[in-house]
Amino acid sequence: MQRQRKYTIHSLVIVEMKRRSNNMATHTNRCMSMNTSMFQNYILPLYLLKYRIYQWLVEAKCLER
């Protein structure tokens, strides 16, 4: 039951992301340069930060053991 629920939430997230990316695509056609700068200044560092946090958590778990 739990797995099924997780899966539905996951698929909902995917649908939402697809919808947003479609919106972003139409938005990108309007202002390309602004969008790339936004990607470099905001989205990319966010992903790097997430990766850094993930690495840190893994290291902490290893140290606990």
PDB file of N, CA and C in Angstrom:
ATOM      1  N   MET A   1       0.843  -1.206   0.000  1.00  0.00           N
ATOM      2  CA  MET A   1       0.000   0.000   0.000  1.00  0.00           C
ATOM      3  C   MET A   1       0.879   1.257   0.000  1.00  0.00           C
ATOM      4  N   GLN A   2       1.855   1.274   0.879  1.00  0.00           N
ATOM      5  CA  GLN A   2       2.741   2.434   0.989  1.00  0.00           C
ATOM      6  C   GLN A   2       3.494   2.674  -0.318  1.00  0.00           C
ATOM      7  N   ARG A   3       3.966   1.585  -0.911  1.00  0.00           N
ATOM      8  CA  ARG A   3       4.715   1.687  -2.155  1.00  0.00           C
ATOM      9  C   ARG A   3       3.836   2.274  -3.259  1.00  0.00           C
ATOM     10  N   GLN A   4       2.591   1.804  -3.309  1.00  0.00           N
ATOM     11  CA  GLN A   4       1.645   2.293  -4.315  1.00  0.00           C
ATOM     12  C   GLN A   4       1.444   3.805  -4.164  1.00  0.00           C
ATOM     13  N   ARG A   5       1.276   4.235  -2.921  1.00  0.00           N
ATOM     14  CA  ARG A   5       1.058   5.646  -2.640  1.00  0.00           C
ATOM     15  C   ARG A   5       2.280   6.467  -3.060  1.00  0.00           C
ATOM     16  N   LYS A   6       3.447   5.968  -2.718  1.00  0.00           N
ATOM     17  CA  LYS A   6       4.684   6.638  -3.098  1.00  0.00           C
ATOM     18  C   LYS A   6       4.770   6.797  -4.609  1.00  0.00           C
ATOM     19  N   TYR A   7       4.409   5.711  -5.295  1.00  0.00           N
ATOM     20  CA  TYR A   7       4.493   5.725  -6.754  1.00  0.00           C
ATOM     21  C   TYR A   7       3.563   6.777  -7.342  1.00  0.00           C
ATOM     22  N   THR A   8       2.339   6.881  -6.801  1.00  0.00           N
ATOM     23  CA  THR A   8       1.392   7.862  -7.332  1.00  0.00           C
ATOM     24  C   THR A   8       1.903   9.279  -7.090  1.00  0.00           C
ATOM     25  N   ILE A   9       2.455   9.524  -5.923  1.00  0.00           N
ATOM     26  CA  ILE A   9       3.035  10.842  -5.626  1.00  0.00           C
ATOM     27  C   ILE A   9       4.159  11.135  -6.612  1.00  0.00           C
ATOM     28  N   HIS A  10       4.991  10.134  -6.864  1.00  0.00           N
ATOM     29  CA  HIS A  10       6.112  10.282  -7.788  1.00  0.00           C
ATOM     30  C   HIS A  10       5.618  10.639  -9.186  1.00  0.00           C
ATOM     31  N   SER A  11       4.585   9.923  -9.655  1.00  0.00           N
ATOM     32  CA  SER A  11       4.061  10.188 -10.996  1.00  0.00           C
ATOM     33  C   SER A  11       3.431  11.575 -11.063  1.00  0.00           C
ATOM     34  N   LEU A  12       2.779  11.991  -9.979  1.00  0.00           N
ATOM     35  CA  LEU A  12       2.213  13.340  -9.927  1.00  0.00           C
ATOM     36  C   LEU A  12       3.311  14.390 -10.053  1.00  0.00           C
ATOM     37  N   VAL A  13       4.408  14.156  -9.359  1.00  0.00           N
ATOM     38  CA  VAL A  13       5.550  15.074  -9.423  1.00  0.00           C
ATOM     39  C   VAL A  13       6.087  15.154 -10.847  1.00  0.00           C
ATOM     40  N   ILE A  14       6.186  13.987 -11.501  1.00  0.00           N
ATOM     41  CA  ILE A  14       6.688  13.954 -12.876  1.00  0.00           C
ATOM     42  C   ILE A  14       5.773  14.749 -13.800  1.00  0.00           C
ATOM     43  N   VAL A  15       4.460  14.548 -13.643  1.00  0.00           N
ATOM     44  CA  VAL A  15       3.489  15.276 -14.475  1.00  0.00           C
ATOM     45  C   VAL A  15       3.640  16.776 -14.264  1.00  0.00           C
ATOM     46  N   GLU A  16       3.757  17.183 -13.007  1.00  0.00           N
ATOM     47  CA  GLU A  16       3.908  18.600 -12.669  1.00  0.00           C
ATOM     48  C   GLU A  16       5.184  19.177 -13.282  1.00  0.00           C
ATOM     49  N   MET A  17       6.276  18.409 -13.197  1.00  0.00           N
ATOM     50  CA  MET A  17       7.551  18.864 -13.759  1.00  0.00           C
ATOM     51  C   MET A  17       7.462  19.013 -15.269  1.00  0.00           C
ATOM     52  N   LYS A  18       6.777  18.055 -15.922  1.00  0.00           N
ATOM     53  CA  LYS A  18       6.593  18.140 -17.373  1.00  0.00           C
ATOM     54  C   LYS A  18       5.808  19.388 -17.739  1.00  0.00           C
ATOM     55  N   ARG A  19       4.754  19.650 -16.977  1.00  0.00           N
ATOM     56  CA  ARG A  19       3.929  20.832 -17.233  1.00  0.00           C
ATOM     57  C   ARG A  19       4.760  22.104 -17.064  1.00  0.00           C
ATOM     58  N   ARG A  20       5.542  22.131 -16.022  1.00  0.00           N
ATOM     59  CA  ARG A  20       6.380  23.307 -15.767  1.00  0.00           C
ATOM     60  C   ARG A  20       7.434  23.488 -16.843  1.00  0.00           C
ATOM     61  N   SER A  21       8.018  22.381 -17.286  1.00  0.00           N
ATOM     62  CA  SER A  21       9.049  22.483 -18.321  1.00  0.00           C
ATOM     63  C   SER A  21       8.438  22.957 -19.636  1.00  0.00           C
ATOM     64  N   ASN A  22       7.197  22.562 -19.904  1.00  0.00           N
ATOM     65  CA  ASN A  22       6.502  23.064 -21.089  1.00  0.00           C
ATOM     66  C   ASN A  22       6.269  24.565 -20.972  1.00  0.00           C
ATOM     67  N   ASN A  23       5.841  25.002 -19.794  1.00  0.00           N
ATOM     68  CA  ASN A  23       5.659  26.430 -19.549  1.00  0.00           C
ATOM     69  C   ASN A  23       6.984  27.164 -19.716  1.00  0.00           C
ATOM     70  N   MET A  24       8.056  26.564 -19.194  1.00  0.00           N
ATOM     71  CA  MET A  24       9.378  27.163 -19.278  1.00  0.00           C
ATOM     72  C   MET A  24       9.835  27.258 -20.727  1.00  0.00           C
ATOM     73  N   ALA A  25       9.480  26.250 -21.532  1.00  0.00           N
ATOM     74  CA  ALA A  25       9.877  26.252 -22.940  1.00  0.00           C
ATOM     75  C   ALA A  25       9.230  27.421 -23.678  1.00  0.00           C
ATOM     76  N   THR A  26       7.939  27.656 -23.438  1.00  0.00           N
ATOM     77  CA  THR A  26       7.272  28.788 -24.086  1.00  0.00           C
ATOM     78  C   THR A  26       7.859  30.094 -23.562  1.00  0.00           C
ATOM     79  N   HIS A  27       8.189  30.112 -22.288  1.00  0.00           N
ATOM     80  CA  HIS A  27       8.789  31.291 -21.667  1.00  0.00           C
ATOM     81  C   HIS A  27      10.180  31.546 -22.244  1.00  0.00           C
ATOM     82  N   THR A  28      10.916  30.472 -22.500  1.00  0.00           N
ATOM     83  CA  THR A  28      12.277  30.578 -23.024  1.00  0.00           C
ATOM     84  C   THR A  28      12.282  31.218 -24.399  1.00  0.00           C
ATOM     85  N   ASN A  29      11.290  30.877 -25.209  1.00  0.00           N
ATOM     86  CA  ASN A  29      11.208  31.457 -26.542  1.00  0.00           C
ATOM     87  C   ASN A  29      11.043  32.968 -26.466  1.00  0.00           C
ATOM     88  N   ARG A  30      10.374  33.433 -25.408  1.00  0.00           N
ATOM     89  CA  ARG A  30      10.166  34.871 -25.250  1.00  0.00           C
ATOM     90  C   ARG A  30      11.454  35.584 -24.849  1.00  0.00           C
ATOM     91  N   CYS A  31      12.164  35.026 -23.868  1.00  0.00           N
ATOM     92  CA  CYS A  31      13.394  35.701 -23.422  1.00  0.00           C
ATOM     93  C   CYS A  31      14.475  34.662 -23.133  1.00  0.00           C
ATOM     94  N   MET A  32      15.267  34.383 -24.134  1.00  0.00           N
ATOM     95  CA  MET A  32      16.256  33.314 -24.047  1.00  0.00           C
ATOM     96  C   MET A  32      17.414  33.689 -23.129  1.00  0.00           C
ATOM     97  N   SER A  33      17.961  34.862 -23.306  1.00  0.00           N
ATOM     98  CA  SER A  33      19.166  35.249 -22.566  1.00  0.00           C
ATOM     99  C   SER A  33      18.899  35.329 -21.063  1.00  0.00           C
ATOM    100  N   MET A  34      17.737  35.869 -20.694  1.00  0.00           N
ATOM    101  CA  MET A  34      17.390  35.972 -19.281  1.00  0.00           C
ATOM    102  C   MET A  34      17.283  34.589 -18.659  1.00  0.00           C
ATOM    103  N   ASN A  35      16.713  33.667 -19.432  1.00  0.00           N
ATOM    104  CA  ASN A  35      16.496  32.322 -18.916  1.00  0.00           C
ATOM    105  C   ASN A  35      17.822  31.611 -18.653  1.00  0.00           C
ATOM    106  N   THR A  36      18.773  31.747 -19.573  1.00  0.00           N
ATOM    107  CA  THR A  36      20.065  31.082 -19.377  1.00  0.00           C
ATOM    108  C   THR A  36      20.788  31.660 -18.169  1.00  0.00           C
ATOM    109  N   SER A  37      20.719  32.976 -18.002  1.00  0.00           N
ATOM    110  CA  SER A  37      21.380  33.591 -16.849  1.00  0.00           C
ATOM    111  C   SER A  37      20.714  33.132 -15.556  1.00  0.00           C
ATOM    112  N   MET A  38      19.378  32.993 -15.591  1.00  0.00           N
ATOM    113  CA  MET A  38      18.659  32.499 -14.423  1.00  0.00           C
ATOM    114  C   MET A  38      19.091  31.073 -14.109  1.00  0.00           C
ATOM    115  N   PHE A  39      19.248  30.266 -15.147  1.00  0.00           N
ATOM    116  CA  PHE A  39      19.675  28.878 -14.955  1.00  0.00           C
ATOM    117  C   PHE A  39      21.054  28.826 -14.310  1.00  0.00           C
ATOM    118  N   GLN A  40      21.980  29.661 -14.819  1.00  0.00           N
ATOM    119  CA  GLN A  40      23.349  29.645 -14.306  1.00  0.00           C
ATOM    120  C   GLN A  40      23.422  30.201 -12.889  1.00  0.00           C
ATOM    121  N   ASN A  41      22.603  31.202 -12.597  1.00  0.00           N
ATOM    122  CA  ASN A  41      22.702  31.874 -11.299  1.00  0.00           C
ATOM    123  C   ASN A  41      21.870  31.225 -10.205  1.00  0.00           C
ATOM    124  N   TYR A  42      20.814  30.505 -10.601  1.00  0.00           N
ATOM    125  CA  TYR A  42      19.891  30.017  -9.579  1.00  0.00           C
ATOM    126  C   TYR A  42      19.746  28.498  -9.568  1.00  0.00           C
ATOM    127  N   ILE A  43      19.405  27.912 -10.714  1.00  0.00           N
ATOM    128  CA  ILE A  43      19.080  26.483 -10.741  1.00  0.00           C
ATOM    129  C   ILE A  43      20.333  25.632 -10.570  1.00  0.00           C
ATOM    130  N   LEU A  44      21.400  25.984 -11.262  1.00  0.00           N
ATOM    131  CA  LEU A  44      22.635  25.201 -11.185  1.00  0.00           C
ATOM    132  C   LEU A  44      23.219  25.177  -9.770  1.00  0.00           C
ATOM    133  N   PRO A  45      23.369  26.329  -9.098  1.00  0.00           N
ATOM    134  CA  PRO A  45      23.863  26.298  -7.718  1.00  0.00           C
ATOM    135  C   PRO A  45      22.964  25.501  -6.787  1.00  0.00           C
ATOM    136  N   LEU A  46      21.648  25.532  -7.047  1.00  0.00           N
ATOM    137  CA  LEU A  46      20.711  24.775  -6.224  1.00  0.00           C
ATOM    138  C   LEU A  46      20.993  23.289  -6.318  1.00  0.00           C
ATOM    139  N   TYR A  47      21.212  22.806  -7.548  1.00  0.00           N
ATOM    140  CA  TYR A  47      21.528  21.394  -7.739  1.00  0.00           C
ATOM    141  C   TYR A  47      22.860  21.042  -7.083  1.00  0.00           C
ATOM    142  N   LEU A  48      23.846  21.929  -7.209  1.00  0.00           N
ATOM    143  CA  LEU A  48      25.143  21.688  -6.590  1.00  0.00           C
ATOM    144  C   LEU A  48      25.007  21.619  -5.070  1.00  0.00           C
ATOM    145  N   LEU A  49      24.164  22.498  -4.524  1.00  0.00           N
ATOM    146  CA  LEU A  49      23.938  22.513  -3.081  1.00  0.00           C
ATOM    147  C   LEU A  49      23.284  21.219  -2.622  1.00  0.00           C
ATOM    148  N   LYS A  50      22.282  20.756  -3.392  1.00  0.00           N
ATOM    149  CA  LYS A  50      21.626  19.490  -3.068  1.00  0.00           C
ATOM    150  C   LYS A  50      22.633  18.358  -3.065  1.00  0.00           C
ATOM    151  N   TYR A  51      23.500  18.332  -4.059  1.00  0.00           N
ATOM    152  CA  TYR A  51      24.524  17.289  -4.161  1.00  0.00           C
ATOM    153  C   TYR A  51      25.480  17.359  -2.978  1.00  0.00           C
ATOM    154  N   ARG A  52      25.862  18.568  -2.603  1.00  0.00           N
ATOM    155  CA  ARG A  52      26.770  18.783  -1.470  1.00  0.00           C
ATOM    156  C   ARG A  52      26.140  18.262  -0.185  1.00  0.00           C
ATOM    157  N   ILE A  53      24.859  18.584   0.020  1.00  0.00           N
ATOM    158  CA  ILE A  53      24.147  18.126   1.219  1.00  0.00           C
ATOM    159  C   ILE A  53      24.065  16.608   1.238  1.00  0.00           C
ATOM    160  N   TYR A  54      23.779  16.015   0.081  1.00  0.00           N
ATOM    161  CA  TYR A  54      23.693  14.555  -0.023  1.00  0.00           C
ATOM    162  C   TYR A  54      25.030  13.922   0.348  1.00  0.00           C
ATOM    163  N   GLN A  55      26.119  14.463  -0.200  1.00  0.00           N
ATOM    164  CA  GLN A  55      27.464  13.961   0.108  1.00  0.00           C
ATOM    165  C   GLN A  55      27.735  14.051   1.609  1.00  0.00           C
ATOM    166  N   TRP A  56      27.361  15.180   2.186  1.00  0.00           N
ATOM    167  CA  TRP A  56      27.595  15.422   3.603  1.00  0.00           C
ATOM    168  C   TRP A  56      26.844  14.410   4.455  1.00  0.00           C
ATOM    169  N   LEU A  57      25.586  14.121   4.071  1.00  0.00           N
ATOM    170  CA  LEU A  57      24.781  13.133   4.796  1.00  0.00           C
ATOM    171  C   LEU A  57      25.412  11.751   4.713  1.00  0.00           C
ATOM    172  N   VAL A  58      25.888  11.387   3.532  1.00  0.00           N
ATOM    173  CA  VAL A  58      26.526  10.080   3.347  1.00  0.00           C
ATOM    174  C   VAL A  58      27.766   9.978   4.232  1.00  0.00           C
ATOM    175  N   GLU A  59      28.570  11.031   4.241  1.00  0.00           N
ATOM    176  CA  GLU A  59      29.779  11.049   5.069  1.00  0.00           C
ATOM    177  C   GLU A  59      29.434  10.919   6.553  1.00  0.00           C
ATOM    178  N   ALA A  60      28.400  11.632   6.985  1.00  0.00           N
ATOM    179  CA  ALA A  60      27.974  11.591   8.386  1.00  0.00           C
ATOM    180  C   ALA A  60      27.534  10.180   8.775  1.00  0.00           C
ATOM    181  N   LYS A  61      26.788   9.533   7.884  1.00  0.00           N
ATOM    182  CA  LYS A  61      26.336   8.161   8.156  1.00  0.00           C
ATOM    183  C   LYS A  61      27.523   7.212   8.273  1.00  0.00           C
ATOM    184  N   CYS A  62      28.514   7.400   7.406  1.00  0.00           N
ATOM    185  CA  CYS A  62      29.707   6.547   7.438  1.00  0.00           C
ATOM    186  C   CYS A  62      30.465   6.753   8.750  1.00  0.00           C
ATOM    187  N   LEU A  63      30.555   8.003   9.204  1.00  0.00           N
ATOM    188  CA  LEU A  63      31.271   8.304  10.433  1.00  0.00           C
ATOM    189  C   LEU A  63      30.547   7.731  11.647  1.00  0.00           C
ATOM    190  N   GLU A  64      29.210   7.734  11.616  1.00  0.00           N
ATOM    191  CA  GLU A  64      28.426   7.180  12.727  1.00  0.00           C
ATOM    192  C   GLU A  64      28.726   5.700  12.928  1.00  0.00           C
ATOM    193  N   ARG A  65      28.834   4.980  11.823  1.00  0.00           N
ATOM    194  CA  ARG A  65      29.140   3.555  11.903  1.00  0.00           C
ATOM    195  C   ARG A  65      30.535   3.368  12.476  1.00  0.00           C
TER     196      ARG A  65
END
